[in-house]
């Protein structure tokens, strides 16, 4: 929530932060550390050959006490390069950078209480062709329909 792209979400997820106050480190060996000296963050040591990311598209609204669908625009690339999110020293010199090609998108049409899921798939060997899988129907679609029109927000086709 609050990020407009997968890149921004990954930057936020891996960002280093300084721990202060009650979150500052205290242990029997070192005691409480001076303010501004304890930092935490994360980086990937290794990545799988196939990467599946699940985007949080529903959240609890504290003001209304109900679940709501997140329909803000959220973009994602068709090629995802993750070298910058890898831990220092996790790749051997000369190792290829982790790069993923988008192969499928699952989308939801409808609201919190009801709706319909369908998917877009670019099969290996399809020469770049995208297909929409909607129950018993499979149709050829453009990459624009399979990817960019699934970003959500006001520029989305049918949500």
N, C-alpha and C. Protein backbone atom coordinates (compact mmCIF):
# COMPACT_ATOMS: atom_id res chain seq x y z
N UNK A 1 0.84 -1.17 0.00
CA UNK A 1 0.00 0.00 0.00
C UNK A 1 0.89 1.24 0.00
N UNK A 2 0.55 2.18 -0.84
CA UNK A 2 1.32 3.42 -0.91
C UNK A 2 2.42 3.41 -1.94
N UNK A 3 2.70 2.28 -2.56
CA UNK A 3 3.72 2.21 -3.62
C UNK A 3 3.01 2.14 -4.96
N UNK A 4 3.58 2.77 -5.96
CA UNK A 4 2.94 2.82 -7.28
C UNK A 4 3.51 1.81 -8.27
N UNK A 5 4.57 1.08 -7.86
CA UNK A 5 5.18 0.11 -8.78
C UNK A 5 5.85 -1.01 -7.99
N UNK A 6 6.14 -2.09 -8.70
CA UNK A 6 6.85 -3.20 -8.09
C UNK A 6 8.25 -2.75 -7.65
N UNK A 7 8.90 -1.96 -8.49
CA UNK A 7 10.23 -1.44 -8.16
C UNK A 7 10.18 -0.65 -6.84
N UNK A 8 9.18 0.23 -6.68
CA UNK A 8 9.05 1.02 -5.45
C UNK A 8 8.77 0.11 -4.25
N UNK A 9 7.97 -0.92 -4.44
CA UNK A 9 7.68 -1.86 -3.36
C UNK A 9 8.93 -2.60 -2.93
N UNK A 10 9.73 -3.05 -3.89
CA UNK A 10 10.97 -3.75 -3.56
C UNK A 10 11.96 -2.82 -2.86
N UNK A 11 12.03 -1.57 -3.30
CA UNK A 11 12.91 -0.60 -2.62
C UNK A 11 12.47 -0.42 -1.17
N UNK A 12 11.16 -0.28 -0.94
CA UNK A 12 10.66 -0.12 0.43
C UNK A 12 10.91 -1.37 1.26
N UNK A 13 10.68 -2.54 0.68
CA UNK A 13 10.85 -3.81 1.38
C UNK A 13 12.30 -4.01 1.82
N UNK A 14 13.25 -3.61 0.99
CA UNK A 14 14.67 -3.85 1.28
C UNK A 14 15.36 -2.65 1.92
N UNK A 15 14.67 -1.56 2.13
CA UNK A 15 15.28 -0.33 2.66
C UNK A 15 15.83 -0.54 4.06
N UNK A 16 16.98 0.08 4.30
CA UNK A 16 17.56 0.06 5.63
C UNK A 16 16.91 1.14 6.47
N UNK A 17 16.65 0.83 7.73
CA UNK A 17 16.07 1.81 8.64
C UNK A 17 16.86 1.84 9.93
N UNK A 18 16.84 2.98 10.58
CA UNK A 18 17.51 3.14 11.87
C UNK A 18 16.50 2.88 12.97
N UNK A 19 16.88 2.05 13.93
CA UNK A 19 16.00 1.72 15.05
C UNK A 19 16.29 2.65 16.22
N UNK A 20 15.25 3.28 16.73
CA UNK A 20 15.38 4.19 17.87
C UNK A 20 14.36 3.81 18.93
N UNK A 21 14.49 4.41 20.08
CA UNK A 21 13.51 4.24 21.14
C UNK A 21 13.37 2.81 21.59
N UNK A 22 12.13 2.37 21.76
CA UNK A 22 11.88 1.02 22.26
C UNK A 22 12.32 -0.06 21.30
N UNK A 23 12.55 0.29 20.02
CA UNK A 23 12.96 -0.70 19.04
C UNK A 23 14.48 -0.84 18.96
N UNK A 24 15.21 -0.01 19.69
CA UNK A 24 16.66 -0.08 19.68
C UNK A 24 17.10 -1.39 20.33
N UNK A 25 18.26 -1.88 19.93
CA UNK A 25 18.76 -3.15 20.41
C UNK A 25 19.13 -3.10 21.88
N UNK A 26 18.71 -4.10 22.61
CA UNK A 26 19.13 -4.27 24.00
C UNK A 26 19.37 -5.76 24.18
N UNK A 27 20.59 -6.11 24.55
CA UNK A 27 20.86 -7.51 24.86
C UNK A 27 21.83 -7.57 26.03
N UNK A 28 22.00 -8.76 26.59
CA UNK A 28 22.80 -8.90 27.81
C UNK A 28 24.27 -8.59 27.56
N UNK A 29 24.75 -8.75 26.36
CA UNK A 29 26.17 -8.54 26.07
C UNK A 29 26.51 -7.07 25.82
N UNK A 30 25.65 -6.36 25.06
CA UNK A 30 25.97 -4.99 24.67
C UNK A 30 25.09 -3.93 25.31
N UNK A 31 23.97 -4.31 25.90
CA UNK A 31 23.06 -3.34 26.50
C UNK A 31 22.38 -2.49 25.44
N UNK A 32 21.78 -1.40 25.87
CA UNK A 32 21.09 -0.50 24.94
C UNK A 32 22.13 0.28 24.15
N UNK A 33 21.90 0.38 22.86
CA UNK A 33 22.84 1.07 21.97
C UNK A 33 22.48 2.55 21.85
N UNK A 34 23.47 3.40 21.57
CA UNK A 34 23.19 4.83 21.41
C UNK A 34 22.19 5.07 20.27
N UNK A 35 21.32 6.08 20.40
CA UNK A 35 20.35 6.38 19.34
C UNK A 35 21.03 6.59 18.00
N UNK A 36 20.40 6.05 16.96
CA UNK A 36 20.89 6.24 15.60
C UNK A 36 22.02 5.30 15.19
N UNK A 37 22.37 4.33 16.04
CA UNK A 37 23.49 3.44 15.69
C UNK A 37 23.05 2.05 15.25
N UNK A 38 21.81 1.69 15.50
CA UNK A 38 21.34 0.36 15.13
C UNK A 38 20.47 0.47 13.88
N UNK A 39 20.87 -0.27 12.86
CA UNK A 39 20.13 -0.26 11.59
C UNK A 39 19.75 -1.69 11.21
N UNK A 40 18.63 -1.78 10.50
CA UNK A 40 18.24 -3.08 9.97
C UNK A 40 17.69 -2.88 8.56
N UNK A 41 17.76 -3.92 7.79
CA UNK A 41 17.26 -3.91 6.42
C UNK A 41 17.33 -5.34 5.91
N UNK A 42 17.02 -5.53 4.67
CA UNK A 42 17.13 -6.88 4.13
C UNK A 42 17.61 -6.82 2.69
N UNK A 43 18.24 -7.89 2.29
CA UNK A 43 18.69 -8.08 0.92
C UNK A 43 18.62 -9.58 0.64
N UNK A 44 18.49 -9.93 -0.60
CA UNK A 44 18.34 -11.34 -0.96
C UNK A 44 19.71 -12.00 -1.06
N UNK A 45 19.86 -13.16 -0.42
CA UNK A 45 21.09 -13.94 -0.53
C UNK A 45 21.07 -14.80 -1.78
N UNK A 46 19.89 -15.30 -2.11
CA UNK A 46 19.71 -16.11 -3.32
C UNK A 46 18.26 -15.97 -3.76
N UNK A 47 18.01 -16.31 -5.00
CA UNK A 47 16.65 -16.24 -5.54
C UNK A 47 16.34 -17.53 -6.28
N UNK A 48 15.07 -17.92 -6.30
CA UNK A 48 14.69 -19.17 -6.96
C UNK A 48 14.69 -19.03 -8.48
N UNK A 49 14.72 -20.15 -9.18
CA UNK A 49 14.67 -20.08 -10.65
C UNK A 49 13.34 -19.52 -11.17
N UNK A 50 12.26 -19.77 -10.42
CA UNK A 50 10.95 -19.22 -10.77
C UNK A 50 10.49 -18.37 -9.59
N UNK A 51 10.13 -17.12 -9.87
CA UNK A 51 9.73 -16.19 -8.82
C UNK A 51 8.26 -15.86 -8.98
N UNK A 52 7.48 -16.03 -7.90
CA UNK A 52 6.07 -15.67 -7.91
C UNK A 52 5.85 -14.61 -6.85
N UNK A 53 5.29 -13.48 -7.24
CA UNK A 53 5.02 -12.40 -6.31
C UNK A 53 3.52 -12.24 -6.15
N UNK A 54 3.08 -12.11 -4.92
CA UNK A 54 1.67 -11.91 -4.63
C UNK A 54 1.49 -10.49 -4.12
N UNK A 55 0.67 -9.71 -4.78
CA UNK A 55 0.44 -8.33 -4.39
C UNK A 55 -0.77 -8.25 -3.46
N UNK A 56 -0.61 -7.53 -2.39
CA UNK A 56 -1.72 -7.32 -1.46
C UNK A 56 -2.71 -6.35 -2.11
N UNK A 57 -3.87 -6.84 -2.49
CA UNK A 57 -4.85 -5.99 -3.16
C UNK A 57 -6.10 -5.75 -2.32
N UNK A 58 -6.12 -6.28 -1.09
CA UNK A 58 -7.22 -6.04 -0.16
C UNK A 58 -6.61 -5.65 1.18
N UNK A 59 -7.27 -4.78 1.93
CA UNK A 59 -6.79 -4.44 3.26
C UNK A 59 -7.96 -4.06 4.16
N UNK A 60 -7.70 -4.16 5.45
CA UNK A 60 -8.70 -3.79 6.44
C UNK A 60 -8.67 -2.28 6.63
N UNK A 61 -9.83 -1.64 6.53
CA UNK A 61 -9.95 -0.19 6.70
C UNK A 61 -10.33 0.07 8.15
N UNK A 62 -9.41 0.65 8.91
CA UNK A 62 -9.63 0.90 10.34
C UNK A 62 -10.77 1.89 10.59
N UNK A 63 -11.01 2.81 9.66
CA UNK A 63 -12.06 3.81 9.87
C UNK A 63 -13.46 3.24 9.70
N UNK A 64 -13.61 2.31 8.75
CA UNK A 64 -14.94 1.73 8.50
C UNK A 64 -15.12 0.38 9.17
N UNK A 65 -14.01 -0.27 9.54
CA UNK A 65 -14.09 -1.61 10.12
C UNK A 65 -14.39 -2.68 9.10
N UNK A 66 -14.11 -2.39 7.83
CA UNK A 66 -14.40 -3.35 6.76
C UNK A 66 -13.18 -3.54 5.86
N UNK A 67 -13.22 -4.65 5.14
CA UNK A 67 -12.19 -4.89 4.13
C UNK A 67 -12.48 -4.00 2.92
N UNK A 68 -11.42 -3.58 2.25
CA UNK A 68 -11.61 -2.81 1.02
C UNK A 68 -10.60 -3.27 -0.01
N UNK A 69 -10.98 -3.14 -1.25
CA UNK A 69 -10.11 -3.52 -2.36
C UNK A 69 -9.20 -2.34 -2.69
N UNK A 70 -7.92 -2.63 -2.84
CA UNK A 70 -6.95 -1.61 -3.24
C UNK A 70 -6.97 -1.53 -4.76
N UNK A 71 -7.41 -0.41 -5.28
CA UNK A 71 -7.52 -0.28 -6.73
C UNK A 71 -6.62 0.81 -7.28
N UNK A 72 -5.63 1.22 -6.48
CA UNK A 72 -4.68 2.22 -6.95
C UNK A 72 -3.84 1.64 -8.08
N UNK A 73 -3.38 2.50 -8.94
CA UNK A 73 -2.51 2.08 -10.04
C UNK A 73 -1.22 1.49 -9.46
N UNK A 74 -0.80 0.34 -9.96
CA UNK A 74 0.42 -0.34 -9.53
C UNK A 74 1.03 -1.00 -10.75
N UNK A 75 2.15 -0.49 -11.20
CA UNK A 75 2.77 -1.02 -12.42
C UNK A 75 3.83 -2.07 -12.08
N UNK A 76 4.06 -2.95 -13.03
CA UNK A 76 5.09 -3.98 -12.90
C UNK A 76 5.69 -4.22 -14.27
N UNK A 77 6.98 -4.54 -14.31
CA UNK A 77 7.66 -4.70 -15.60
C UNK A 77 7.46 -6.09 -16.19
N UNK A 78 7.72 -6.21 -17.48
CA UNK A 78 7.70 -7.53 -18.10
C UNK A 78 9.05 -8.23 -17.93
N UNK A 79 10.08 -7.47 -17.62
CA UNK A 79 11.39 -8.02 -17.27
C UNK A 79 11.81 -7.42 -15.94
N UNK A 80 12.12 -8.27 -14.98
CA UNK A 80 12.45 -7.82 -13.63
C UNK A 80 13.92 -8.14 -13.34
N UNK A 81 14.70 -7.10 -13.11
CA UNK A 81 16.13 -7.26 -12.80
C UNK A 81 16.31 -7.00 -11.31
N UNK A 82 16.92 -7.96 -10.60
CA UNK A 82 16.99 -7.86 -9.15
C UNK A 82 18.40 -7.74 -8.58
N UNK A 83 19.41 -7.50 -9.40
CA UNK A 83 20.79 -7.40 -8.90
C UNK A 83 20.89 -6.38 -7.76
N UNK A 84 20.27 -5.24 -7.89
CA UNK A 84 20.40 -4.19 -6.87
C UNK A 84 19.81 -4.56 -5.52
N UNK A 85 18.99 -5.62 -5.48
CA UNK A 85 18.37 -6.07 -4.24
C UNK A 85 19.09 -7.26 -3.61
N UNK A 86 20.20 -7.67 -4.23
CA UNK A 86 20.97 -8.80 -3.73
C UNK A 86 21.96 -8.33 -2.66
N UNK A 87 22.21 -9.18 -1.67
CA UNK A 87 23.18 -8.87 -0.62
C UNK A 87 24.58 -8.80 -1.22
N UNK A 88 25.40 -7.92 -0.68
CA UNK A 88 26.79 -7.82 -1.14
C UNK A 88 27.47 -9.17 -0.93
N UNK A 89 28.16 -9.63 -1.93
CA UNK A 89 28.87 -10.90 -1.83
C UNK A 89 28.02 -12.12 -2.11
N UNK A 90 26.72 -11.93 -2.39
CA UNK A 90 25.85 -13.09 -2.63
C UNK A 90 26.04 -13.66 -4.03
N UNK A 91 26.54 -12.84 -4.94
CA UNK A 91 26.83 -13.31 -6.29
C UNK A 91 28.34 -13.40 -6.47
N UNK A 92 28.80 -14.50 -7.05
CA UNK A 92 30.22 -14.60 -7.36
C UNK A 92 30.53 -13.70 -8.55
N UNK A 93 31.75 -13.21 -8.58
CA UNK A 93 32.15 -12.33 -9.69
C UNK A 93 31.92 -13.07 -11.01
N UNK A 94 31.24 -12.40 -11.92
CA UNK A 94 30.95 -13.00 -13.22
C UNK A 94 29.63 -13.74 -13.29
N UNK A 95 29.00 -13.98 -12.12
CA UNK A 95 27.68 -14.63 -12.12
C UNK A 95 26.67 -13.71 -12.79
N UNK A 96 25.74 -14.28 -13.53
CA UNK A 96 24.71 -13.43 -14.15
C UNK A 96 23.78 -12.85 -13.08
N UNK A 97 23.31 -11.66 -13.36
CA UNK A 97 22.36 -11.02 -12.45
C UNK A 97 21.02 -11.74 -12.53
N UNK A 98 20.29 -11.80 -11.43
CA UNK A 98 18.96 -12.42 -11.48
C UNK A 98 18.01 -11.57 -12.32
N UNK A 99 17.48 -12.17 -13.37
CA UNK A 99 16.53 -11.50 -14.26
C UNK A 99 15.35 -12.45 -14.48
N UNK A 100 14.14 -11.92 -14.32
CA UNK A 100 12.93 -12.72 -14.50
C UNK A 100 12.09 -12.13 -15.62
N UNK A 101 11.48 -13.01 -16.40
CA UNK A 101 10.56 -12.60 -17.46
C UNK A 101 9.14 -12.89 -16.99
N UNK A 102 8.26 -11.88 -17.10
CA UNK A 102 6.87 -12.05 -16.69
C UNK A 102 6.20 -13.10 -17.59
N UNK A 103 5.59 -14.10 -16.96
CA UNK A 103 4.93 -15.18 -17.70
C UNK A 103 3.45 -15.27 -17.42
N UNK A 104 2.97 -14.68 -16.33
CA UNK A 104 1.55 -14.79 -16.01
C UNK A 104 1.12 -13.65 -15.09
N UNK A 105 -0.16 -13.29 -15.20
CA UNK A 105 -0.78 -12.28 -14.36
C UNK A 105 -2.15 -12.81 -13.96
N UNK A 106 -2.42 -12.82 -12.66
CA UNK A 106 -3.74 -13.21 -12.16
C UNK A 106 -4.44 -11.94 -11.73
N UNK A 107 -5.67 -11.76 -12.15
CA UNK A 107 -6.38 -10.52 -11.82
C UNK A 107 -7.77 -10.82 -11.27
N UNK A 108 -8.30 -9.86 -10.54
CA UNK A 108 -9.62 -10.00 -9.92
C UNK A 108 -10.51 -8.87 -10.41
N UNK A 109 -11.68 -9.23 -10.86
CA UNK A 109 -12.68 -8.25 -11.26
C UNK A 109 -13.83 -8.36 -10.27
N UNK A 110 -14.20 -7.23 -9.68
CA UNK A 110 -15.28 -7.24 -8.70
C UNK A 110 -14.84 -6.59 -7.41
N UNK A 111 -15.62 -6.79 -6.37
CA UNK A 111 -15.36 -6.15 -5.08
C UNK A 111 -14.84 -7.13 -4.06
N UNK A 112 -14.86 -6.71 -2.80
CA UNK A 112 -14.35 -7.54 -1.71
C UNK A 112 -15.19 -8.78 -1.50
N UNK A 113 -16.51 -8.63 -1.52
CA UNK A 113 -17.40 -9.74 -1.21
C UNK A 113 -17.68 -10.69 -2.36
N UNK A 114 -17.45 -10.25 -3.57
CA UNK A 114 -17.75 -11.10 -4.73
C UNK A 114 -16.88 -10.65 -5.89
N UNK A 115 -16.71 -11.54 -6.81
CA UNK A 115 -15.92 -11.19 -7.99
C UNK A 115 -15.51 -12.43 -8.75
N UNK A 116 -14.59 -12.22 -9.65
CA UNK A 116 -14.20 -13.28 -10.56
C UNK A 116 -12.70 -13.15 -10.85
N UNK A 117 -11.98 -14.24 -10.75
CA UNK A 117 -10.56 -14.27 -11.08
C UNK A 117 -10.37 -14.83 -12.47
N UNK A 118 -9.43 -14.26 -13.19
CA UNK A 118 -9.00 -14.83 -14.47
C UNK A 118 -7.53 -14.54 -14.63
N UNK A 119 -6.88 -15.20 -15.57
CA UNK A 119 -5.43 -15.05 -15.70
C UNK A 119 -5.02 -14.79 -17.14
N UNK A 120 -3.84 -14.23 -17.25
CA UNK A 120 -3.19 -14.01 -18.53
C UNK A 120 -1.88 -14.77 -18.47
N UNK A 121 -1.59 -15.54 -19.51
CA UNK A 121 -0.40 -16.38 -19.52
C UNK A 121 0.33 -16.23 -20.85
N UNK A 122 1.67 -16.14 -20.74
CA UNK A 122 2.53 -16.14 -21.93
C UNK A 122 3.34 -17.44 -21.86
N UNK A 123 2.85 -18.51 -22.51
CA UNK A 123 3.52 -19.80 -22.41
C UNK A 123 4.92 -19.77 -23.03
N UNK A 124 5.82 -20.58 -22.47
CA UNK A 124 7.13 -20.74 -23.06
C UNK A 124 6.93 -21.28 -24.48
N UNK A 125 7.65 -20.74 -25.43
CA UNK A 125 7.52 -21.18 -26.82
C UNK A 125 6.37 -20.54 -27.57
N UNK A 126 5.69 -19.56 -26.96
CA UNK A 126 4.54 -18.94 -27.62
C UNK A 126 4.93 -17.76 -28.50
N UNK A 127 6.23 -17.52 -28.62
CA UNK A 127 6.74 -16.40 -29.43
C UNK A 127 6.17 -15.06 -28.97
N UNK A 128 6.03 -14.93 -27.66
CA UNK A 128 5.57 -13.66 -27.09
C UNK A 128 4.07 -13.49 -27.03
N UNK A 129 3.30 -14.47 -27.45
CA UNK A 129 1.84 -14.36 -27.45
C UNK A 129 1.29 -14.52 -26.03
N UNK A 130 0.31 -13.68 -25.69
CA UNK A 130 -0.38 -13.74 -24.41
C UNK A 130 -1.78 -14.30 -24.62
N UNK A 131 -2.25 -15.11 -23.65
CA UNK A 131 -3.58 -15.71 -23.70
C UNK A 131 -4.33 -15.36 -22.42
N UNK A 132 -5.61 -15.10 -22.56
CA UNK A 132 -6.48 -14.86 -21.40
C UNK A 132 -7.22 -16.16 -21.11
N UNK A 133 -7.11 -16.62 -19.87
CA UNK A 133 -7.80 -17.82 -19.41
C UNK A 133 -8.94 -17.37 -18.50
N UNK A 134 -10.16 -17.51 -18.98
CA UNK A 134 -11.34 -17.05 -18.26
C UNK A 134 -12.35 -18.19 -18.25
N UNK A 135 -12.35 -18.97 -17.17
CA UNK A 135 -13.17 -20.18 -17.07
C UNK A 135 -12.88 -21.11 -18.25
N UNK A 136 -13.88 -21.40 -19.05
CA UNK A 136 -13.70 -22.34 -20.16
C UNK A 136 -13.21 -21.66 -21.44
N UNK A 137 -13.05 -20.34 -21.41
CA UNK A 137 -12.62 -19.60 -22.62
C UNK A 137 -11.14 -19.26 -22.55
N UNK A 138 -10.44 -19.51 -23.64
CA UNK A 138 -9.05 -19.10 -23.79
C UNK A 138 -8.99 -18.28 -25.06
N UNK A 139 -8.52 -17.03 -24.92
CA UNK A 139 -8.45 -16.15 -26.09
C UNK A 139 -7.08 -15.50 -26.18
N UNK A 140 -6.64 -15.24 -27.39
CA UNK A 140 -5.40 -14.53 -27.65
C UNK A 140 -5.64 -13.05 -27.36
N UNK A 141 -4.72 -12.41 -26.59
CA UNK A 141 -4.85 -10.99 -26.26
C UNK A 141 -3.51 -10.30 -26.49
N UNK A 142 -3.54 -8.98 -26.51
CA UNK A 142 -2.31 -8.21 -26.66
C UNK A 142 -1.55 -8.16 -25.33
N UNK A 143 -0.26 -7.85 -25.41
CA UNK A 143 0.52 -7.67 -24.18
C UNK A 143 -0.04 -6.50 -23.37
N UNK A 144 -0.53 -5.48 -24.06
CA UNK A 144 -1.14 -4.33 -23.39
C UNK A 144 -2.31 -4.78 -22.51
N UNK A 145 -3.18 -5.63 -23.05
CA UNK A 145 -4.33 -6.13 -22.30
C UNK A 145 -3.89 -7.02 -21.13
N UNK A 146 -2.86 -7.82 -21.35
CA UNK A 146 -2.41 -8.76 -20.32
C UNK A 146 -1.61 -8.10 -19.21
N UNK A 147 -0.93 -7.02 -19.53
CA UNK A 147 -0.03 -6.42 -18.55
C UNK A 147 -0.51 -5.03 -18.14
N UNK A 148 -0.34 -4.05 -18.99
CA UNK A 148 -0.59 -2.64 -18.62
C UNK A 148 -2.03 -2.39 -18.19
N UNK A 149 -3.00 -3.07 -18.79
CA UNK A 149 -4.39 -2.86 -18.40
C UNK A 149 -4.73 -3.53 -17.06
N UNK A 150 -3.77 -4.25 -16.49
CA UNK A 150 -3.98 -4.89 -15.19
C UNK A 150 -3.33 -4.11 -14.05
N UNK A 151 -2.79 -2.92 -14.33
CA UNK A 151 -2.12 -2.11 -13.33
C UNK A 151 -3.09 -1.54 -12.31
N UNK A 152 -4.38 -1.49 -12.64
CA UNK A 152 -5.35 -0.90 -11.73
C UNK A 152 -5.41 0.61 -11.92
N UNK A 153 -6.17 1.26 -11.07
CA UNK A 153 -6.29 2.72 -11.17
C UNK A 153 -7.23 3.13 -12.27
N UNK A 154 -7.28 4.40 -12.54
CA UNK A 154 -8.26 4.95 -13.50
C UNK A 154 -7.94 4.56 -14.94
N UNK A 155 -6.69 4.17 -15.25
CA UNK A 155 -6.36 3.82 -16.63
C UNK A 155 -6.63 2.36 -16.95
N UNK A 156 -7.12 1.61 -15.97
CA UNK A 156 -7.39 0.19 -16.16
C UNK A 156 -8.67 -0.01 -16.97
N UNK A 157 -8.68 -1.09 -17.73
CA UNK A 157 -9.83 -1.40 -18.60
C UNK A 157 -11.08 -1.66 -17.76
N UNK A 158 -11.29 -2.88 -17.35
CA UNK A 158 -12.47 -3.20 -16.53
C UNK A 158 -11.99 -3.78 -15.21
N UNK A 159 -12.38 -3.17 -14.11
CA UNK A 159 -11.93 -3.64 -12.79
C UNK A 159 -13.14 -3.99 -11.97
